[in-house]
Amino acid sequence: MSNGVVEGFNPAKKPKKREFKIEDYLKEQVEKIGGKCYKFVSPGYDGMPDRIVVFSGCVIFVETKRPGKKPRALQKIRLEELQMQGVITAVVSTKKEADFIVDFLSTRYWRT
């Protein structure tokens, strides 16, 4: 720190978008259509997706990532394990991808 400024700080650089912002956006959008977006924690079972989205009989396990980031190797394995069990999974790292999930839920046959 010199002259009261932290080294490496660049006020012109845009701040990174955080994963929780994408997660919060997904939750808000799912709830707008009447769905639930539960935070998922699986003690002792690392790499599980962050959220379970439930809407009108459809369940989707969702891994949320900061924009531009991809799931880690173990997260990919967990998503594949779920898919092999016939479960729908998704990776969401942008608002557009979150909107796609909501569109999928609200326009498909899940509606009763």
PDB file of N, CA and C in Angstrom:
ATOM      1  N   MET A   1       0.854  -1.166   0.000  1.00  0.00           N
ATOM      2  CA  MET A   1       0.000   0.000   0.000  1.00  0.00           C
ATOM      3  C   MET A   1       0.899   1.228   0.000  1.00  0.00           C
ATOM      4  N   SER A   2       0.726   2.067  -0.989  1.00  0.00           N
ATOM      5  CA  SER A   2       1.506   3.304  -1.049  1.00  0.00           C
ATOM      6  C   SER A   2       0.572   4.457  -1.361  1.00  0.00           C
ATOM      7  N   ASN A   3       0.764   5.547  -0.711  1.00  0.00           N
ATOM      8  CA  ASN A   3      -0.076   6.736  -0.904  1.00  0.00           C
ATOM      9  C   ASN A   3      -1.552   6.455  -0.632  1.00  0.00           C
ATOM     10  N   GLY A   4      -1.844   5.510   0.255  1.00  0.00           N
ATOM     11  CA  GLY A   4      -3.232   5.216   0.602  1.00  0.00           C
ATOM     12  C   GLY A   4      -3.973   4.380  -0.430  1.00  0.00           C
ATOM     13  N   VAL A   5      -3.261   3.836  -1.438  1.00  0.00           N
ATOM     14  CA  VAL A   5      -3.891   3.030  -2.480  1.00  0.00           C
ATOM     15  C   VAL A   5      -3.322   1.614  -2.422  1.00  0.00           C
ATOM     16  N   VAL A   6      -4.180   0.635  -2.440  1.00  0.00           N
ATOM     17  CA  VAL A   6      -3.761  -0.756  -2.419  1.00  0.00           C
ATOM     18  C   VAL A   6      -3.094  -1.090  -3.753  1.00  0.00           C
ATOM     19  N   GLU A   7      -1.942  -1.769  -3.676  1.00  0.00           N
ATOM     20  CA  GLU A   7      -1.243  -2.149  -4.905  1.00  0.00           C
ATOM     21  C   GLU A   7      -2.127  -3.041  -5.758  1.00  0.00           C
ATOM     22  N   GLY A   8      -2.101  -2.795  -7.053  1.00  0.00           N
ATOM     23  CA  GLY A   8      -2.898  -3.584  -7.983  1.00  0.00           C
ATOM     24  C   GLY A   8      -4.309  -3.067  -8.177  1.00  0.00           C
ATOM     25  N   PHE A   9      -4.727  -2.107  -7.354  1.00  0.00           N
ATOM     26  CA  PHE A   9      -6.080  -1.559  -7.486  1.00  0.00           C
ATOM     27  C   PHE A   9      -6.145  -0.658  -8.710  1.00  0.00           C
ATOM     28  N   ASN A  10      -7.140  -0.898  -9.535  1.00  0.00           N
ATOM     29  CA  ASN A  10      -7.340  -0.098 -10.733  1.00  0.00           C
ATOM     30  C   ASN A  10      -8.786   0.371 -10.737  1.00  0.00           C
ATOM     31  N   PRO A  11      -9.053   1.645 -10.438  1.00  0.00           N
ATOM     32  CA  PRO A  11     -10.437   2.124 -10.358  1.00  0.00           C
ATOM     33  C   PRO A  11     -11.165   2.072 -11.700  1.00  0.00           C
ATOM     34  N   ALA A  12     -10.425   1.984 -12.798  1.00  0.00           N
ATOM     35  CA  ALA A  12     -11.061   1.933 -14.113  1.00  0.00           C
ATOM     36  C   ALA A  12     -11.522   0.517 -14.458  1.00  0.00           C
ATOM     37  N   LYS A  13     -10.990  -0.476 -13.761  1.00  0.00           N
ATOM     38  CA  LYS A  13     -11.336  -1.870 -14.037  1.00  0.00           C
ATOM     39  C   LYS A  13     -12.697  -2.207 -13.439  1.00  0.00           C
ATOM     40  N   LYS A  14     -13.543  -2.841 -14.239  1.00  0.00           N
ATOM     41  CA  LYS A  14     -14.867  -3.229 -13.754  1.00  0.00           C
ATOM     42  C   LYS A  14     -14.728  -4.351 -12.735  1.00  0.00           C
ATOM     43  N   PRO A  15     -15.556  -4.330 -11.682  1.00  0.00           N
ATOM     44  CA  PRO A  15     -15.493  -5.411 -10.700  1.00  0.00           C
ATOM     45  C   PRO A  15     -16.002  -6.721 -11.307  1.00  0.00           C
ATOM     46  N   LYS A  16     -15.466  -7.839 -10.799  1.00  0.00           N
ATOM     47  CA  LYS A  16     -15.896  -9.158 -11.270  1.00  0.00           C
ATOM     48  C   LYS A  16     -17.335  -9.410 -10.845  1.00  0.00           C
ATOM     49  N   LYS A  17     -18.079 -10.047 -11.726  1.00  0.00           N
ATOM     50  CA  LYS A  17     -19.421 -10.476 -11.322  1.00  0.00           C
ATOM     51  C   LYS A  17     -19.245 -11.690 -10.430  1.00  0.00           C
ATOM     52  N   ARG A  18     -19.996 -11.734  -9.401  1.00  0.00           N
ATOM     53  CA  ARG A  18     -19.888 -12.814  -8.431  1.00  0.00           C
ATOM     54  C   ARG A  18     -20.902 -13.907  -8.717  1.00  0.00           C
ATOM     55  N   GLU A  19     -20.536 -15.133  -8.336  1.00  0.00           N
ATOM     56  CA  GLU A  19     -21.417 -16.276  -8.526  1.00  0.00           C
ATOM     57  C   GLU A  19     -22.745 -16.080  -7.811  1.00  0.00           C
ATOM     58  N   PHE A  20     -22.715 -15.515  -6.604  1.00  0.00           N
ATOM     59  CA  PHE A  20     -23.958 -15.368  -5.840  1.00  0.00           C
ATOM     60  C   PHE A  20     -24.958 -14.467  -6.561  1.00  0.00           C
ATOM     61  N   LYS A  21     -24.481 -13.534  -7.394  1.00  0.00           N
ATOM     62  CA  LYS A  21     -25.405 -12.675  -8.131  1.00  0.00           C
ATOM     63  C   LYS A  21     -26.170 -13.479  -9.172  1.00  0.00           C
ATOM     64  N   ILE A  22     -25.499 -14.406  -9.824  1.00  0.00           N
ATOM     65  CA  ILE A  22     -26.168 -15.277 -10.792  1.00  0.00           C
ATOM     66  C   ILE A  22     -27.143 -16.190 -10.052  1.00  0.00           C
ATOM     67  N   GLU A  23     -26.698 -16.719  -8.915  1.00  0.00           N
ATOM     68  CA  GLU A  23     -27.545 -17.586  -8.102  1.00  0.00           C
ATOM     69  C   GLU A  23     -28.806 -16.848  -7.644  1.00  0.00           C
ATOM     70  N   ASP A  24     -28.632 -15.634  -7.156  1.00  0.00           N
ATOM     71  CA  ASP A  24     -29.774 -14.824  -6.709  1.00  0.00           C
ATOM     72  C   ASP A  24     -30.724 -14.522  -7.863  1.00  0.00           C
ATOM     73  N   TYR A  25     -30.159 -14.208  -9.033  1.00  0.00           N
ATOM     74  CA  TYR A  25     -30.986 -13.906 -10.205  1.00  0.00           C
ATOM     75  C   TYR A  25     -31.801 -15.143 -10.598  1.00  0.00           C
ATOM     76  N   LEU A  26     -31.155 -16.295 -10.634  1.00  0.00           N
ATOM     77  CA  LEU A  26     -31.869 -17.540 -10.965  1.00  0.00           C
ATOM     78  C   LEU A  26     -33.021 -17.759  -9.992  1.00  0.00           C
ATOM     79  N   LYS A  27     -32.736 -17.610  -8.702  1.00  0.00           N
ATOM     80  CA  LYS A  27     -33.766 -17.813  -7.673  1.00  0.00           C
ATOM     81  C   LYS A  27     -34.933 -16.861  -7.883  1.00  0.00           C
ATOM     82  N   GLU A  28     -34.656 -15.594  -8.120  1.00  0.00           N
ATOM     83  CA  GLU A  28     -35.719 -14.600  -8.333  1.00  0.00           C
ATOM     84  C   GLU A  28     -36.586 -14.962  -9.536  1.00  0.00           C
ATOM     85  N   GLN A  29     -35.954 -15.355 -10.624  1.00  0.00           N
ATOM     86  CA  GLN A  29     -36.692 -15.655 -11.847  1.00  0.00           C
ATOM     87  C   GLN A  29     -37.539 -16.916 -11.699  1.00  0.00           C
ATOM     88  N   VAL A  30     -36.997 -17.922 -11.047  1.00  0.00           N
ATOM     89  CA  VAL A  30     -37.754 -19.164 -10.823  1.00  0.00           C
ATOM     90  C   VAL A  30     -38.956 -18.883  -9.927  1.00  0.00           C
ATOM     91  N   GLU A  31     -38.757 -18.084  -8.896  1.00  0.00           N
ATOM     92  CA  GLU A  31     -39.863 -17.768  -7.987  1.00  0.00           C
ATOM     93  C   GLU A  31     -40.937 -16.922  -8.664  1.00  0.00           C
ATOM     94  N   LYS A  32     -40.563 -16.107  -9.656  1.00  0.00           N
ATOM     95  CA  LYS A  32     -41.549 -15.303 -10.392  1.00  0.00           C
ATOM     96  C   LYS A  32     -42.566 -16.165 -11.119  1.00  0.00           C
ATOM     97  N   ILE A  33     -42.150 -17.382 -11.543  1.00  0.00           N
ATOM     98  CA  ILE A  33     -43.093 -18.260 -12.246  1.00  0.00           C
ATOM     99  C   ILE A  33     -43.757 -19.256 -11.298  1.00  0.00           C
ATOM    100  N   GLY A  34     -43.470 -19.123  -9.998  1.00  0.00           N
ATOM    101  CA  GLY A  34     -44.108 -19.982  -9.003  1.00  0.00           C
ATOM    102  C   GLY A  34     -43.288 -21.187  -8.604  1.00  0.00           C
ATOM    103  N   GLY A  35     -42.033 -21.245  -9.038  1.00  0.00           N
ATOM    104  CA  GLY A  35     -41.168 -22.367  -8.691  1.00  0.00           C
ATOM    105  C   GLY A  35     -40.384 -22.116  -7.414  1.00  0.00           C
ATOM    106  N   LYS A  36     -39.596 -23.098  -7.049  1.00  0.00           N
ATOM    107  CA  LYS A  36     -38.710 -22.998  -5.886  1.00  0.00           C
ATOM    108  C   LYS A  36     -37.281 -23.231  -6.362  1.00  0.00           C
ATOM    109  N   CYS A  37     -36.352 -22.549  -5.714  1.00  0.00           N
ATOM    110  CA  CYS A  37     -34.934 -22.664  -6.065  1.00  0.00           C
ATOM    111  C   CYS A  37     -34.164 -22.835  -4.759  1.00  0.00           C
ATOM    112  N   TYR A  38     -34.043 -24.088  -4.326  1.00  0.00           N
ATOM    113  CA  TYR A  38     -33.448 -24.378  -3.026  1.00  0.00           C
ATOM    114  C   TYR A  38     -31.924 -24.388  -3.097  1.00  0.00           C
ATOM    115  N   LYS A  39     -31.301 -23.826  -2.079  1.00  0.00           N
ATOM    116  CA  LYS A  39     -29.852 -23.930  -1.917  1.00  0.00           C
ATOM    117  C   LYS A  39     -29.572 -25.372  -1.515  1.00  0.00           C
ATOM    118  N   PHE A  40     -28.616 -25.997  -2.191  1.00  0.00           N
ATOM    119  CA  PHE A  40     -28.334 -27.406  -1.935  1.00  0.00           C
ATOM    120  C   PHE A  40     -26.941 -27.561  -1.352  1.00  0.00           C
ATOM    121  N   VAL A  41     -26.870 -28.185  -0.193  1.00  0.00           N
ATOM    122  CA  VAL A  41     -25.603 -28.494   0.440  1.00  0.00           C
ATOM    123  C   VAL A  41     -25.639 -29.975   0.788  1.00  0.00           C
ATOM    124  N   SER A  42     -24.598 -30.693   0.397  1.00  0.00           N
ATOM    125  CA  SER A  42     -24.537 -32.123   0.655  1.00  0.00           C
ATOM    126  C   SER A  42     -23.282 -32.436   1.460  1.00  0.00           C
ATOM    127  N   PRO A  43     -23.381 -32.373   2.791  1.00  0.00           N
ATOM    128  CA  PRO A  43     -22.202 -32.610   3.627  1.00  0.00           C
ATOM    129  C   PRO A  43     -21.544 -33.958   3.318  1.00  0.00           C
ATOM    130  N   GLY A  44     -20.227 -33.925   3.180  1.00  0.00           N
ATOM    131  CA  GLY A  44     -19.483 -35.151   2.914  1.00  0.00           C
ATOM    132  C   GLY A  44     -19.507 -35.587   1.467  1.00  0.00           C
ATOM    133  N   TYR A  45     -20.148 -34.805   0.602  1.00  0.00           N
ATOM    134  CA  TYR A  45     -20.246 -35.164  -0.812  1.00  0.00           C
ATOM    135  C   TYR A  45     -19.918 -33.939  -1.642  1.00  0.00           C
ATOM    136  N   ASP A  46     -18.633 -33.648  -1.760  1.00  0.00           N
ATOM    137  CA  ASP A  46     -18.165 -32.456  -2.466  1.00  0.00           C
ATOM    138  C   ASP A  46     -18.540 -32.472  -3.941  1.00  0.00           C
ATOM    139  N   GLY A  47     -18.650 -31.279  -4.508  1.00  0.00           N
ATOM    140  CA  GLY A  47     -18.869 -31.139  -5.941  1.00  0.00           C
ATOM    141  C   GLY A  47     -20.310 -31.168  -6.399  1.00  0.00           C
ATOM    142  N   MET A  48     -21.242 -31.259  -5.456  1.00  0.00           N
ATOM    143  CA  MET A  48     -22.656 -31.298  -5.842  1.00  0.00           C
ATOM    144  C   MET A  48     -23.105 -29.911  -6.309  1.00  0.00           C
ATOM    145  N   PRO A  49     -24.127 -29.868  -7.188  1.00  0.00           N
ATOM    146  CA  PRO A  49     -24.627 -28.575  -7.686  1.00  0.00           C
ATOM    147  C   PRO A  49     -25.113 -27.669  -6.556  1.00  0.00           C
ATOM    148  N   ASP A  50     -25.127 -26.364  -6.847  1.00  0.00           N
ATOM    149  CA  ASP A  50     -25.475 -25.352  -5.850  1.00  0.00           C
ATOM    150  C   ASP A  50     -26.968 -25.273  -5.539  1.00  0.00           C
ATOM    151  N   ARG A  51     -27.795 -25.520  -6.540  1.00  0.00           N
ATOM    152  CA  ARG A  51     -29.236 -25.282  -6.406  1.00  0.00           C
ATOM    153  C   ARG A  51     -30.047 -26.459  -6.930  1.00  0.00           C
ATOM    154  N   ILE A  52     -31.217 -26.634  -6.331  1.00  0.00           N
ATOM    155  CA  ILE A  52     -32.218 -27.565  -6.854  1.00  0.00           C
ATOM    156  C   ILE A  52     -33.430 -26.717  -7.212  1.00  0.00           C
ATOM    157  N   VAL A  53     -33.764 -26.707  -8.491  1.00  0.00           N
ATOM    158  CA  VAL A  53     -34.904 -25.939  -8.987  1.00  0.00           C
ATOM    159  C   VAL A  53     -36.074 -26.909  -9.146  1.00  0.00           C
ATOM    160  N   VAL A  54     -37.213 -26.532  -8.581  1.00  0.00           N
ATOM    161  CA  VAL A  54     -38.411 -27.366  -8.620  1.00  0.00           C
ATOM    162  C   VAL A  54     -39.568 -26.537  -9.154  1.00  0.00           C
ATOM    163  N   PHE A  55     -40.232 -27.082 -10.182  1.00  0.00           N
ATOM    164  CA  PHE A  55     -41.390 -26.386 -10.740  1.00  0.00           C
ATOM    165  C   PHE A  55     -42.322 -27.392 -11.387  1.00  0.00           C
ATOM    166  N   SER A  56     -43.533 -27.465 -10.892  1.00  0.00           N
ATOM    167  CA  SER A  56     -44.609 -28.242 -11.488  1.00  0.00           C
ATOM    168  C   SER A  56     -44.178 -29.661 -11.883  1.00  0.00           C
ATOM    169  N   GLY A  57     -43.532 -30.344 -10.956  1.00  0.00           N
ATOM    170  CA  GLY A  57     -43.148 -31.732 -11.190  1.00  0.00           C
ATOM    171  C   GLY A  57     -41.785 -31.922 -11.832  1.00  0.00           C
ATOM    172  N   CYS A  58     -41.134 -30.856 -12.206  1.00  0.00           N
ATOM    173  CA  CYS A  58     -39.808 -30.944 -12.810  1.00  0.00           C
ATOM    174  C   CYS A  58     -38.756 -30.536 -11.778  1.00  0.00           C
ATOM    175  N   VAL A  59     -37.663 -31.298 -11.731  1.00  0.00           N
ATOM    176  CA  VAL A  59     -36.558 -30.996 -10.828  1.00  0.00           C
ATOM    177  C   VAL A  59     -35.291 -30.863 -11.661  1.00  0.00           C
ATOM    178  N   ILE A  60     -34.551 -29.782 -11.443  1.00  0.00           N
ATOM    179  CA  ILE A  60     -33.294 -29.554 -12.154  1.00  0.00           C
ATOM    180  C   ILE A  60     -32.216 -29.210 -11.124  1.00  0.00           C
ATOM    181  N   PHE A  61     -31.102 -29.940 -11.166  1.00  0.00           N
ATOM    182  CA  PHE A  61     -29.952 -29.612 -10.341  1.00  0.00           C
ATOM    183  C   PHE A  61     -29.115 -28.614 -11.121  1.00  0.00           C
ATOM    184  N   VAL A  62     -28.824 -27.464 -10.505  1.00  0.00           N
ATOM    185  CA  VAL A  62     -28.135 -26.382 -11.211  1.00  0.00           C
ATOM    186  C   VAL A  62     -26.829 -26.006 -10.511  1.00  0.00           C
ATOM    187  N   GLU A  63     -25.753 -26.051 -11.285  1.00  0.00           N
ATOM    188  CA  GLU A  63     -24.460 -25.543 -10.824  1.00  0.00           C
ATOM    189  C   GLU A  63     -24.342 -24.116 -11.324  1.00  0.00           C
ATOM    190  N   THR A  64     -24.172 -23.170 -10.409  1.00  0.00           N
ATOM    191  CA  THR A  64     -24.008 -21.775 -10.820  1.00  0.00           C
ATOM    192  C   THR A  64     -22.533 -21.420 -10.777  1.00  0.00           C
ATOM    193  N   LYS A  65     -22.126 -20.632 -11.757  1.00  0.00           N
ATOM    194  CA  LYS A  65     -20.734 -20.199 -11.865  1.00  0.00           C
ATOM    195  C   LYS A  65     -20.694 -18.707 -12.167  1.00  0.00           C
ATOM    196  N   ARG A  66     -19.581 -18.091 -11.828  1.00  0.00           N
ATOM    197  CA  ARG A  66     -19.349 -16.706 -12.208  1.00  0.00           C
ATOM    198  C   ARG A  66     -19.211 -16.666 -13.728  1.00  0.00           C
ATOM    199  N   PRO A  67     -19.673 -15.593 -14.384  1.00  0.00           N
ATOM    200  CA  PRO A  67     -19.559 -15.512 -15.848  1.00  0.00           C
ATOM    201  C   PRO A  67     -18.138 -15.821 -16.332  1.00  0.00           C
ATOM    202  N   GLY A  68     -18.090 -16.679 -17.339  1.00  0.00           N
ATOM    203  CA  GLY A  68     -16.804 -17.057 -17.926  1.00  0.00           C
ATOM    204  C   GLY A  68     -16.140 -18.244 -17.257  1.00  0.00           C
ATOM    205  N   LYS A  69     -16.681 -18.697 -16.139  1.00  0.00           N
ATOM    206  CA  LYS A  69     -16.083 -19.831 -15.433  1.00  0.00           C
ATOM    207  C   LYS A  69     -16.832 -21.118 -15.767  1.00  0.00           C
ATOM    208  N   LYS A  70     -16.122 -22.218 -15.690  1.00  0.00           N
ATOM    209  CA  LYS A  70     -16.674 -23.547 -15.973  1.00  0.00           C
ATOM    210  C   LYS A  70     -16.621 -24.390 -14.699  1.00  0.00           C
ATOM    211  N   PRO A  71     -17.435 -25.441 -14.634  1.00  0.00           N
ATOM    212  CA  PRO A  71     -17.396 -26.332 -13.471  1.00  0.00           C
ATOM    213  C   PRO A  71     -16.027 -27.001 -13.327  1.00  0.00           C
ATOM    214  N   ARG A  72     -15.622 -27.231 -12.079  1.00  0.00           N
ATOM    215  CA  ARG A  72     -14.396 -27.968 -11.798  1.00  0.00           C
ATOM    216  C   ARG A  72     -14.594 -29.438 -12.167  1.00  0.00           C
ATOM    217  N   ALA A  73     -13.509 -30.190 -12.224  1.00  0.00           N
ATOM    218  CA  ALA A  73     -13.558 -31.602 -12.633  1.00  0.00           C
ATOM    219  C   ALA A  73     -14.545 -32.401 -11.772  1.00  0.00           C
ATOM    220  N   LEU A  74     -14.469 -32.242 -10.449  1.00  0.00           N
ATOM    221  CA  LEU A  74     -15.372 -32.993  -9.570  1.00  0.00           C
ATOM    222  C   LEU A  74     -16.818 -32.575  -9.783  1.00  0.00           C
ATOM    223  N   GLN A  75     -17.066 -31.295 -10.030  1.00  0.00           N
ATOM    224  CA  GLN A  75     -18.429 -30.828 -10.297  1.00  0.00           C
ATOM    225  C   GLN A  75     -18.968 -31.459 -11.577  1.00  0.00           C
ATOM    226  N   LYS A  76     -18.131 -31.584 -12.589  1.00  0.00           N
ATOM    227  CA  LYS A  76     -18.543 -32.241 -13.845  1.00  0.00           C
ATOM    228  C   LYS A  76     -18.906 -33.698 -13.591  1.00  0.00           C
ATOM    229  N   ILE A  77     -18.112 -34.371 -12.770  1.00  0.00           N
ATOM    230  CA  ILE A  77     -18.392 -35.775 -12.435  1.00  0.00           C
ATOM    231  C   ILE A  77     -19.738 -35.890 -11.743  1.00  0.00           C
ATOM    232  N   ARG A  78     -20.009 -35.009 -10.779  1.00  0.00           N
ATOM    233  CA  ARG A  78     -21.292 -35.056 -10.050  1.00  0.00           C
ATOM    234  C   ARG A  78     -22.469 -34.797 -10.993  1.00  0.00           C
ATOM    235  N   LEU A  79     -22.317 -33.840 -11.907  1.00  0.00           N
ATOM    236  CA  LEU A  79     -23.386 -33.566 -12.878  1.00  0.00           C
ATOM    237  C   LEU A  79     -23.627 -34.789 -13.761  1.00  0.00           C
ATOM    238  N   GLU A  80     -22.552 -35.448 -14.191  1.00  0.00           N
ATOM    239  CA  GLU A  80     -22.687 -36.655 -15.013  1.00  0.00           C
ATOM    240  C   GLU A  80     -23.349 -37.785 -14.240  1.00  0.00           C
ATOM    241  N   GLU A  81     -23.013 -37.933 -12.952  1.00  0.00           N
ATOM    242  CA  GLU A  81     -23.644 -38.963 -12.121  1.00  0.00           C
ATOM    243  C   GLU A  81     -25.153 -38.735 -12.044  1.00  0.00           C
ATOM    244  N   LEU A  82     -25.540 -37.498 -11.850  1.00  0.00           N
ATOM    245  CA  LEU A  82     -26.966 -37.173 -11.787  1.00  0.00           C
ATOM    246  C   LEU A  82     -27.643 -37.447 -13.127  1.00  0.00           C
ATOM    247  N   GLN A  83     -26.992 -37.058 -14.213  1.00  0.00           N
ATOM    248  CA  GLN A  83     -27.559 -37.300 -15.552  1.00  0.00           C
ATOM    249  C   GLN A  83     -27.749 -38.788 -15.805  1.00  0.00           C
ATOM    250  N   MET A  84     -26.794 -39.606 -15.343  1.00  0.00           N
ATOM    251  CA  MET A  84     -26.899 -41.056 -15.532  1.00  0.00           C
ATOM    252  C   MET A  84     -28.072 -41.642 -14.759  1.00  0.00           C
ATOM    253  N   GLN A  85     -28.558 -40.912 -13.755  1.00  0.00           N
ATOM    254  CA  GLN A  85     -29.734 -41.324 -12.992  1.00  0.00           C
ATOM    255  C   GLN A  85     -31.021 -40.758 -13.587  1.00  0.00           C
ATOM    256  N   GLY A  86     -30.898 -40.105 -14.747  1.00  0.00           N
ATOM    257  CA  GLY A  86     -32.072 -39.561 -15.419  1.00  0.00           C
ATOM    258  C   GLY A  86     -32.493 -38.190 -14.922  1.00  0.00           C
ATOM    259  N   VAL A  87     -31.611 -37.514 -14.188  1.00  0.00           N
ATOM    260  CA  VAL A  87     -31.922 -36.206 -13.628  1.00  0.00           C
ATOM    261  C   VAL A  87     -31.482 -35.114 -14.600  1.00  0.00           C
ATOM    262  N   ILE A  88     -32.288 -34.079 -14.722  1.00  0.00           N
ATOM    263  CA  ILE A  88     -31.923 -32.931 -15.552  1.00  0.00           C
ATOM    264  C   ILE A  88     -30.936 -32.079 -14.768  1.00  0.00           C
ATOM    265  N   THR A  89     -29.838 -31.693 -15.422  1.00  0.00           N
ATOM    266  CA  THR A  89     -28.857 -30.816 -14.789  1.00  0.00           C
ATOM    267  C   THR A  89     -28.563 -29.648 -15.722  1.00  0.00           C
ATOM    268  N   ALA A  90     -28.017 -28.591 -15.139  1.00  0.00           N
ATOM    269  CA  ALA A  90     -27.645 -27.420 -15.938  1.00  0.00           C
ATOM    270  C   ALA A  90     -26.509 -26.687 -15.242  1.00  0.00           C
ATOM    271  N   VAL A  91     -25.741 -25.963 -16.054  1.00  0.00           N
ATOM    272  CA  VAL A  91     -24.725 -25.056 -15.544  1.00  0.00           C
ATOM    273  C   VAL A  91     -25.150 -23.664 -15.982  1.00  0.00           C
ATOM    274  N   VAL A  92     -25.251 -22.756 -15.027  1.00  0.00           N
ATOM    275  CA  VAL A  92     -25.711 -21.400 -15.302  1.00  0.00           C
ATOM    276  C   VAL A  92     -24.632 -20.411 -14.865  1.00  0.00           C
ATOM    277  N   SER A  93     -24.151 -19.617 -15.837  1.00  0.00           N
ATOM    278  CA  SER A  93     -23.131 -18.616 -15.500  1.00  0.00           C
ATOM    279  C   SER A  93     -23.499 -17.212 -15.987  1.00  0.00           C
ATOM    280  N   THR A  94     -24.670 -17.099 -16.616  1.00  0.00           N
ATOM    281  CA  THR A  94     -25.129 -15.790 -17.086  1.00  0.00           C
ATOM    282  C   THR A  94     -26.624 -15.657 -16.840  1.00  0.00           C
ATOM    283  N   LYS A  95     -27.094 -14.426 -16.884  1.00  0.00           N
ATOM    284  CA  LYS A  95     -28.537 -14.195 -16.753  1.00  0.00           C
ATOM    285  C   LYS A  95     -29.282 -14.835 -17.922  1.00  0.00           C
ATOM    286  N   LYS A  96     -28.690 -14.806 -19.097  1.00  0.00           N
ATOM    287  CA  LYS A  96     -29.323 -15.405 -20.277  1.00  0.00           C
ATOM    288  C   LYS A  96     -29.529 -16.907 -20.067  1.00  0.00           C
ATOM    289  N   GLU A  97     -28.542 -17.584 -19.474  1.00  0.00           N
ATOM    290  CA  GLU A  97     -28.687 -19.017 -19.194  1.00  0.00           C
ATOM    291  C   GLU A  97     -29.740 -19.261 -18.121  1.00  0.00           C
ATOM    292  N   ALA A  98     -29.808 -18.389 -17.121  1.00  0.00           N
ATOM    293  CA  ALA A  98     -30.850 -18.509 -16.098  1.00  0.00           C
ATOM    294  C   ALA A  98     -32.228 -18.321 -16.731  1.00  0.00           C
ATOM    295  N   ASP A  99     -32.334 -17.355 -17.623  1.00  0.00           N
ATOM    296  CA  ASP A  99     -33.597 -17.116 -18.322  1.00  0.00           C
ATOM    297  C   ASP A  99     -33.994 -18.328 -19.160  1.00  0.00           C
ATOM    298  N   PHE A 100     -33.008 -19.014 -19.744  1.00  0.00           N
ATOM    299  CA  PHE A 100     -33.295 -20.214 -20.535  1.00  0.00           C
ATOM    300  C   PHE A 100     -33.924 -21.293 -19.653  1.00  0.00           C
ATOM    301  N   ILE A 101     -33.391 -21.472 -18.439  1.00  0.00           N
ATOM    302  CA  ILE A 101     -33.958 -22.453 -17.504  1.00  0.00           C
ATOM    303  C   ILE A 101     -35.412 -22.108 -17.198  1.00  0.00           C
ATOM    304  N   VAL A 102     -35.670 -20.847 -16.912  1.00  0.00           N
ATOM    305  CA  VAL A 102     -37.030 -20.403 -16.585  1.00  0.00           C
ATOM    306  C   VAL A 102     -37.950 -20.597 -17.783  1.00  0.00           C
ATOM    307  N   ASP A 103     -37.467 -20.270 -18.972  1.00  0.00           N
ATOM    308  CA  ASP A 103     -38.253 -20.468 -20.192  1.00  0.00           C
ATOM    309  C   ASP A 103     -38.562 -21.952 -20.402  1.00  0.00           C
ATOM    310  N   PHE A 104     -37.552 -22.786 -20.192  1.00  0.00           N
ATOM    311  CA  PHE A 104     -37.739 -24.235 -20.309  1.00  0.00           C
ATOM    312  C   PHE A 104     -38.839 -24.716 -19.379  1.00  0.00           C
ATOM    313  N   LEU A 105     -38.787 -24.259 -18.137  1.00  0.00           N
ATOM    314  CA  LEU A 105     -39.782 -24.684 -17.153  1.00  0.00           C
ATOM    315  C   LEU A 105     -41.173 -24.167 -17.474  1.00  0.00           C
ATOM    316  N   SER A 106     -41.265 -22.914 -17.875  1.00  0.00           N
ATOM    317  CA  SER A 106     -42.576 -22.291 -18.032  1.00  0.00           C
ATOM    318  C   SER A 106     -43.248 -22.592 -19.361  1.00  0.00           C
ATOM    319  N   THR A 107     -42.498 -23.054 -20.349  1.00  0.00           N
ATOM    320  CA  THR A 107     -43.117 -23.303 -21.661  1.00  0.00           C
ATOM    321  C   THR A 107     -43.202 -24.770 -22.024  1.00  0.00           C
ATOM    322  N   ARG A 108     -42.659 -25.647 -21.232  1.00  0.00           N
ATOM    323  CA  ARG A 108     -42.702 -27.076 -21.523  1.00  0.00           C
ATOM    324  C   ARG A 108     -43.932 -27.720 -20.894  1.00  0.00           C
ATOM    325  N   TYR A 109     -44.020 -29.012 -21.033  1.00  0.00           N
ATOM    326  CA  TYR A 109     -45.183 -29.749 -20.550  1.00  0.00           C
ATOM    327  C   TYR A 109     -45.253 -29.828 -19.035  1.00  0.00           C
ATOM    328  N   TRP A 110     -44.284 -29.271 -18.317  1.00  0.00           N
ATOM    329  CA  TRP A 110     -44.283 -29.338 -16.866  1.00  0.00           C
ATOM    330  C   TRP A 110     -45.500 -28.627 -16.269  1.00  0.00           C
ATOM    331  N   ARG A 111     -46.041 -27.674 -17.004  1.00  0.00           N
ATOM    332  CA  ARG A 111     -47.170 -26.884 -16.536  1.00  0.00           C
ATOM    333  C   ARG A 111     -48.384 -27.799 -16.363  1.00  0.00           C
ATOM    334  N   THR A 112     -48.988 -27.765 -15.182  1.00  0.00           N
ATOM    335  CA  THR A 112     -50.179 -28.596 -14.956  1.00  0.00           C
ATOM    336  C   THR A 112     -51.414 -27.726 -14.831  1.00  0.00           C
TER     337      THR A 112
END
